[in-house]
């Protein structure tokens, strides 16, 4: 998330340029959208597994959910028979990226209107 950190630091600086901010936002969004590929997640997943092995940490596993009844195609824990990597990619990685992208887009669309109205006066 190096790119979001760069954007954050620039937004907190004293001398900011509106055009530059919009360009940085678009660039950050494009980088985050590019990160939403399976190959990007797989590289992160391999690193996670490597770190867990090196540090004798229990690797990621599917959460247990014993309160819901078993449905067609699900195992005894209430999950469909997907690999652990698939669960974390879909339910955590993609979800977090989508939230960050959406929030950046929404906040700067709102701010664009306020700034443009301020320039009109």
N, C-alpha and C. Protein backbone atom coordinates (compact mmCIF):
# COMPACT_ATOMS: atom_id res chain seq x y z
N UNK A 1 0.82 -1.19 0.00
CA UNK A 1 0.00 0.00 0.00
C UNK A 1 0.87 1.26 0.00
N UNK A 2 2.01 1.11 -0.59
CA UNK A 2 2.95 2.22 -0.69
C UNK A 2 2.31 3.42 -1.39
N UNK A 3 1.54 3.16 -2.44
CA UNK A 3 0.94 4.25 -3.21
C UNK A 3 -0.07 5.04 -2.39
N UNK A 4 -0.88 4.37 -1.58
CA UNK A 4 -1.84 5.10 -0.76
C UNK A 4 -1.13 5.95 0.28
N UNK A 5 0.02 5.49 0.75
CA UNK A 5 0.81 6.26 1.71
C UNK A 5 1.36 7.53 1.06
N UNK A 6 1.80 7.42 -0.19
CA UNK A 6 2.29 8.60 -0.93
C UNK A 6 1.18 9.62 -1.08
N UNK A 7 -0.01 9.15 -1.47
CA UNK A 7 -1.16 10.05 -1.62
C UNK A 7 -1.51 10.70 -0.28
N UNK A 8 -1.55 9.92 0.78
CA UNK A 8 -1.87 10.44 2.11
C UNK A 8 -0.89 11.53 2.53
N UNK A 9 0.40 11.30 2.35
CA UNK A 9 1.40 12.30 2.74
C UNK A 9 1.26 13.57 1.92
N UNK A 10 0.99 13.42 0.62
CA UNK A 10 0.82 14.61 -0.22
C UNK A 10 -0.40 15.41 0.20
N UNK A 11 -1.50 14.73 0.51
CA UNK A 11 -2.72 15.42 0.92
C UNK A 11 -2.54 16.16 2.24
N UNK A 12 -1.59 15.75 3.05
CA UNK A 12 -1.34 16.41 4.33
C UNK A 12 -0.30 17.51 4.23
N UNK A 13 0.30 17.68 3.07
CA UNK A 13 1.33 18.71 2.93
C UNK A 13 0.70 20.10 2.85
N UNK A 14 1.50 21.10 3.07
CA UNK A 14 1.02 22.49 3.09
C UNK A 14 0.73 22.98 1.68
N UNK A 15 1.61 22.71 0.75
CA UNK A 15 1.48 23.20 -0.62
C UNK A 15 0.97 22.08 -1.52
N UNK A 16 -0.35 21.99 -1.68
CA UNK A 16 -0.88 20.98 -2.57
C UNK A 16 -1.51 21.63 -3.78
N UNK A 17 -1.42 20.94 -4.90
CA UNK A 17 -1.97 21.41 -6.15
C UNK A 17 -3.16 20.52 -6.49
N UNK A 18 -4.31 21.12 -6.71
CA UNK A 18 -5.54 20.36 -6.94
C UNK A 18 -5.41 19.42 -8.14
N UNK A 19 -4.85 19.90 -9.23
CA UNK A 19 -4.69 19.07 -10.43
C UNK A 19 -3.77 17.89 -10.12
N UNK A 20 -2.72 18.15 -9.36
CA UNK A 20 -1.79 17.08 -8.98
C UNK A 20 -2.48 16.04 -8.09
N UNK A 21 -3.32 16.50 -7.18
CA UNK A 21 -4.07 15.59 -6.30
C UNK A 21 -4.97 14.67 -7.11
N UNK A 22 -5.71 15.23 -8.06
CA UNK A 22 -6.60 14.42 -8.90
C UNK A 22 -5.80 13.39 -9.68
N UNK A 23 -4.65 13.81 -10.22
CA UNK A 23 -3.78 12.87 -10.95
C UNK A 23 -3.27 11.76 -10.05
N UNK A 24 -2.88 12.12 -8.83
CA UNK A 24 -2.39 11.11 -7.88
C UNK A 24 -3.51 10.15 -7.48
N UNK A 25 -4.71 10.68 -7.32
CA UNK A 25 -5.85 9.82 -6.98
C UNK A 25 -6.12 8.81 -8.10
N UNK A 26 -6.13 9.28 -9.33
CA UNK A 26 -6.37 8.39 -10.46
C UNK A 26 -5.27 7.33 -10.54
N UNK A 27 -4.03 7.75 -10.33
CA UNK A 27 -2.91 6.81 -10.37
C UNK A 27 -3.03 5.78 -9.25
N UNK A 28 -3.39 6.22 -8.07
CA UNK A 28 -3.56 5.31 -6.93
C UNK A 28 -4.68 4.32 -7.20
N UNK A 29 -5.79 4.79 -7.73
CA UNK A 29 -6.91 3.91 -8.04
C UNK A 29 -6.50 2.88 -9.09
N UNK A 30 -5.77 3.32 -10.12
CA UNK A 30 -5.32 2.38 -11.14
C UNK A 30 -4.39 1.31 -10.57
N UNK A 31 -3.50 1.70 -9.67
CA UNK A 31 -2.59 0.73 -9.04
C UNK A 31 -3.38 -0.25 -8.20
N UNK A 32 -4.35 0.25 -7.43
CA UNK A 32 -5.17 -0.64 -6.60
C UNK A 32 -6.01 -1.59 -7.46
N UNK A 33 -6.53 -1.10 -8.58
CA UNK A 33 -7.29 -1.97 -9.48
C UNK A 33 -6.38 -3.04 -10.09
N UNK A 34 -5.14 -2.66 -10.38
CA UNK A 34 -4.19 -3.63 -10.91
C UNK A 34 -3.85 -4.70 -9.87
N UNK A 35 -3.84 -4.30 -8.61
CA UNK A 35 -3.56 -5.25 -7.52
C UNK A 35 -4.69 -6.27 -7.37
N UNK A 36 -5.82 -6.02 -7.96
CA UNK A 36 -6.99 -6.87 -7.81
C UNK A 36 -6.93 -8.08 -8.75
N UNK A 37 -5.78 -8.39 -9.26
CA UNK A 37 -5.62 -9.56 -10.12
C UNK A 37 -5.20 -10.77 -9.29
N UNK A 38 -5.58 -11.96 -9.77
CA UNK A 38 -5.23 -13.19 -9.07
C UNK A 38 -3.72 -13.35 -8.91
N UNK A 39 -2.97 -12.97 -9.92
CA UNK A 39 -1.51 -13.13 -9.86
C UNK A 39 -0.90 -12.27 -8.75
N UNK A 40 -1.43 -11.08 -8.55
CA UNK A 40 -0.92 -10.20 -7.47
C UNK A 40 -1.22 -10.81 -6.12
N UNK A 41 -2.45 -11.30 -5.95
CA UNK A 41 -2.80 -11.92 -4.68
C UNK A 41 -1.95 -13.17 -4.44
N UNK A 42 -1.74 -13.96 -5.47
CA UNK A 42 -0.98 -15.20 -5.31
C UNK A 42 0.44 -14.92 -4.82
N UNK A 43 1.06 -13.86 -5.31
CA UNK A 43 2.40 -13.48 -4.82
C UNK A 43 2.36 -13.14 -3.33
N UNK A 44 1.34 -12.42 -2.92
CA UNK A 44 1.19 -12.08 -1.50
C UNK A 44 0.93 -13.35 -0.69
N UNK A 45 0.10 -14.24 -1.21
CA UNK A 45 -0.22 -15.48 -0.51
C UNK A 45 1.03 -16.35 -0.31
N UNK A 46 1.85 -16.44 -1.33
CA UNK A 46 3.09 -17.21 -1.22
C UNK A 46 3.97 -16.61 -0.13
N UNK A 47 4.04 -15.29 -0.08
CA UNK A 47 4.83 -14.61 0.97
C UNK A 47 4.26 -14.90 2.36
N UNK A 48 2.94 -14.89 2.49
CA UNK A 48 2.29 -15.18 3.78
C UNK A 48 2.65 -16.59 4.24
N UNK A 49 2.55 -17.56 3.34
CA UNK A 49 2.86 -18.94 3.68
C UNK A 49 4.34 -19.07 4.07
N UNK A 50 5.20 -18.38 3.35
CA UNK A 50 6.64 -18.41 3.64
C UNK A 50 6.91 -17.86 5.04
N UNK A 51 6.31 -16.72 5.36
CA UNK A 51 6.52 -16.10 6.68
C UNK A 51 5.98 -16.99 7.79
N UNK A 52 4.84 -17.62 7.58
CA UNK A 52 4.29 -18.49 8.62
C UNK A 52 5.20 -19.68 8.87
N UNK A 53 5.77 -20.24 7.82
CA UNK A 53 6.69 -21.38 7.99
C UNK A 53 7.98 -20.95 8.68
N UNK A 54 8.53 -19.82 8.26
CA UNK A 54 9.79 -19.33 8.83
C UNK A 54 9.67 -18.98 10.31
N UNK A 55 8.50 -18.54 10.71
CA UNK A 55 8.31 -18.08 12.09
C UNK A 55 7.49 -19.03 12.95
N UNK A 56 7.27 -20.23 12.41
CA UNK A 56 6.54 -21.26 13.14
C UNK A 56 5.16 -20.76 13.61
N UNK A 57 4.45 -20.12 12.68
CA UNK A 57 3.11 -19.58 12.93
C UNK A 57 2.11 -20.47 12.21
N UNK A 58 0.96 -20.66 12.81
CA UNK A 58 -0.08 -21.44 12.15
C UNK A 58 -0.50 -20.73 10.87
N UNK A 59 -0.50 -21.44 9.75
CA UNK A 59 -0.89 -20.79 8.49
C UNK A 59 -2.38 -20.44 8.49
N UNK A 60 -2.79 -19.53 7.61
CA UNK A 60 -4.20 -19.16 7.53
C UNK A 60 -5.06 -20.39 7.24
N UNK A 61 -6.23 -20.40 7.84
CA UNK A 61 -7.17 -21.50 7.60
C UNK A 61 -8.57 -20.92 7.53
N UNK A 62 -9.49 -21.74 7.07
CA UNK A 62 -10.88 -21.29 6.98
C UNK A 62 -11.45 -21.11 8.37
N UNK A 63 -12.22 -20.04 8.60
CA UNK A 63 -12.87 -19.89 9.90
C UNK A 63 -13.95 -20.95 10.07
N UNK A 64 -14.17 -21.33 11.29
CA UNK A 64 -15.22 -22.32 11.54
C UNK A 64 -16.53 -21.61 11.82
N UNK A 65 -17.59 -22.20 11.36
CA UNK A 65 -18.92 -21.63 11.55
C UNK A 65 -19.87 -22.79 11.78
N UNK A 66 -20.04 -23.17 12.99
CA UNK A 66 -20.80 -24.37 13.31
C UNK A 66 -22.29 -24.09 13.54
N UNK A 67 -22.71 -22.84 13.52
CA UNK A 67 -24.11 -22.52 13.82
C UNK A 67 -25.04 -22.62 12.62
N UNK A 68 -24.49 -22.60 11.41
CA UNK A 68 -25.36 -22.64 10.24
C UNK A 68 -25.53 -24.08 9.77
N UNK A 69 -26.71 -24.43 9.29
CA UNK A 69 -26.93 -25.80 8.80
C UNK A 69 -26.14 -26.04 7.52
N UNK A 70 -25.79 -27.28 7.33
CA UNK A 70 -25.03 -27.66 6.14
C UNK A 70 -25.91 -27.57 4.90
N UNK A 71 -25.41 -26.92 3.87
CA UNK A 71 -26.14 -26.78 2.62
C UNK A 71 -25.46 -27.63 1.55
N UNK A 72 -26.14 -27.77 0.45
CA UNK A 72 -25.62 -28.56 -0.66
C UNK A 72 -24.26 -28.01 -1.10
N UNK A 73 -23.27 -28.87 -1.20
CA UNK A 73 -21.94 -28.48 -1.66
C UNK A 73 -21.04 -27.94 -0.58
N UNK A 74 -21.50 -27.90 0.66
CA UNK A 74 -20.69 -27.38 1.75
C UNK A 74 -20.14 -28.53 2.57
N UNK A 75 -19.03 -28.28 3.23
CA UNK A 75 -18.47 -29.29 4.11
C UNK A 75 -19.10 -29.18 5.49
N UNK A 76 -18.61 -29.95 6.45
CA UNK A 76 -19.22 -29.96 7.78
C UNK A 76 -19.05 -28.65 8.54
N UNK A 77 -18.14 -27.77 8.09
CA UNK A 77 -17.96 -26.46 8.74
C UNK A 77 -18.81 -25.38 8.11
N UNK A 78 -19.61 -25.72 7.12
CA UNK A 78 -20.49 -24.73 6.50
C UNK A 78 -19.84 -23.98 5.35
N UNK A 79 -18.69 -24.45 4.87
CA UNK A 79 -18.01 -23.78 3.76
C UNK A 79 -18.04 -24.66 2.54
N UNK A 80 -18.14 -24.00 1.40
CA UNK A 80 -18.02 -24.79 0.18
C UNK A 80 -16.58 -25.27 0.07
N UNK A 81 -16.38 -26.27 -0.72
CA UNK A 81 -15.07 -26.90 -0.80
C UNK A 81 -14.11 -26.07 -1.65
N UNK A 82 -13.73 -24.91 -1.13
CA UNK A 82 -12.78 -24.03 -1.79
C UNK A 82 -11.46 -24.07 -1.05
N UNK A 83 -10.36 -23.85 -1.74
CA UNK A 83 -9.08 -23.76 -1.04
C UNK A 83 -9.05 -22.54 -0.11
N UNK A 84 -8.23 -22.61 0.90
CA UNK A 84 -8.09 -21.50 1.87
C UNK A 84 -7.68 -20.22 1.13
N UNK A 85 -6.78 -20.35 0.18
CA UNK A 85 -6.32 -19.19 -0.59
C UNK A 85 -7.49 -18.50 -1.27
N UNK A 86 -8.40 -19.25 -1.82
CA UNK A 86 -9.59 -18.70 -2.50
C UNK A 86 -10.45 -17.90 -1.51
N UNK A 87 -10.66 -18.46 -0.33
CA UNK A 87 -11.46 -17.78 0.69
C UNK A 87 -10.86 -16.40 1.02
N UNK A 88 -9.56 -16.36 1.29
CA UNK A 88 -8.93 -15.10 1.67
C UNK A 88 -8.86 -14.12 0.51
N UNK A 89 -8.68 -14.63 -0.72
CA UNK A 89 -8.64 -13.73 -1.88
C UNK A 89 -9.99 -13.07 -2.08
N UNK A 90 -11.07 -13.86 -2.04
CA UNK A 90 -12.41 -13.33 -2.32
C UNK A 90 -12.97 -12.53 -1.15
N UNK A 91 -12.90 -13.08 0.05
CA UNK A 91 -13.59 -12.48 1.20
C UNK A 91 -12.81 -11.40 1.93
N UNK A 92 -11.51 -11.34 1.73
CA UNK A 92 -10.73 -10.33 2.45
C UNK A 92 -9.99 -9.42 1.47
N UNK A 93 -9.11 -9.98 0.66
CA UNK A 93 -8.25 -9.20 -0.22
C UNK A 93 -9.06 -8.33 -1.18
N UNK A 94 -9.92 -8.96 -1.97
CA UNK A 94 -10.73 -8.20 -2.93
C UNK A 94 -11.67 -7.23 -2.22
N UNK A 95 -12.23 -7.64 -1.12
CA UNK A 95 -13.16 -6.78 -0.38
C UNK A 95 -12.47 -5.52 0.10
N UNK A 96 -11.29 -5.67 0.68
CA UNK A 96 -10.55 -4.50 1.19
C UNK A 96 -10.15 -3.58 0.04
N UNK A 97 -9.64 -4.14 -1.05
CA UNK A 97 -9.27 -3.31 -2.19
C UNK A 97 -10.48 -2.56 -2.74
N UNK A 98 -11.61 -3.24 -2.86
CA UNK A 98 -12.82 -2.59 -3.38
C UNK A 98 -13.28 -1.44 -2.48
N UNK A 99 -13.20 -1.64 -1.17
CA UNK A 99 -13.59 -0.58 -0.23
C UNK A 99 -12.67 0.63 -0.37
N UNK A 100 -11.37 0.39 -0.45
CA UNK A 100 -10.41 1.51 -0.57
C UNK A 100 -10.64 2.26 -1.87
N UNK A 101 -10.79 1.53 -2.97
CA UNK A 101 -11.02 2.17 -4.28
C UNK A 101 -12.30 3.00 -4.25
N UNK A 102 -13.37 2.41 -3.75
CA UNK A 102 -14.66 3.10 -3.71
C UNK A 102 -14.58 4.36 -2.84
N UNK A 103 -13.93 4.29 -1.69
CA UNK A 103 -13.83 5.44 -0.80
C UNK A 103 -13.03 6.58 -1.43
N UNK A 104 -11.94 6.25 -2.11
CA UNK A 104 -11.15 7.29 -2.78
C UNK A 104 -12.00 7.95 -3.86
N UNK A 105 -12.69 7.14 -4.66
CA UNK A 105 -13.53 7.70 -5.74
C UNK A 105 -14.63 8.58 -5.18
N UNK A 106 -15.32 8.11 -4.16
CA UNK A 106 -16.44 8.86 -3.59
C UNK A 106 -15.95 10.16 -2.96
N UNK A 107 -14.92 10.09 -2.17
CA UNK A 107 -14.45 11.29 -1.46
C UNK A 107 -13.97 12.36 -2.42
N UNK A 108 -13.31 11.96 -3.50
CA UNK A 108 -12.80 12.99 -4.40
C UNK A 108 -13.86 13.49 -5.35
N UNK A 109 -14.88 12.72 -5.62
CA UNK A 109 -16.01 13.26 -6.41
C UNK A 109 -16.74 14.31 -5.60
N UNK A 110 -16.96 14.06 -4.30
CA UNK A 110 -17.61 15.03 -3.43
C UNK A 110 -16.76 16.28 -3.30
N UNK A 111 -15.47 16.10 -3.09
CA UNK A 111 -14.57 17.24 -2.91
C UNK A 111 -14.41 18.05 -4.19
N UNK A 112 -14.46 17.39 -5.34
CA UNK A 112 -14.36 18.13 -6.60
C UNK A 112 -15.48 19.15 -6.72
N UNK A 113 -16.69 18.75 -6.39
CA UNK A 113 -17.83 19.68 -6.47
C UNK A 113 -17.65 20.85 -5.50
N UNK A 114 -17.20 20.59 -4.29
CA UNK A 114 -17.00 21.65 -3.32
C UNK A 114 -15.89 22.60 -3.76
N UNK A 115 -14.82 22.06 -4.28
CA UNK A 115 -13.70 22.91 -4.72
C UNK A 115 -14.10 23.74 -5.92
N UNK A 116 -14.78 23.12 -6.89
CA UNK A 116 -15.20 23.87 -8.06
C UNK A 116 -16.19 24.96 -7.69
N UNK A 117 -17.08 24.71 -6.76
CA UNK A 117 -18.00 25.75 -6.29
C UNK A 117 -17.25 26.85 -5.56
N UNK A 118 -16.22 26.51 -4.83
CA UNK A 118 -15.40 27.51 -4.15
C UNK A 118 -14.64 28.39 -5.13
N UNK A 119 -14.20 27.81 -6.24
CA UNK A 119 -13.48 28.59 -7.24
C UNK A 119 -14.40 29.54 -8.00
N UNK A 120 -15.69 29.16 -8.08
CA UNK A 120 -16.66 29.98 -8.80
C UNK A 120 -16.90 31.30 -8.07
N UNK A 121 -16.84 31.28 -6.74
CA UNK A 121 -17.14 32.48 -5.95
C UNK A 121 -16.01 33.43 -5.97
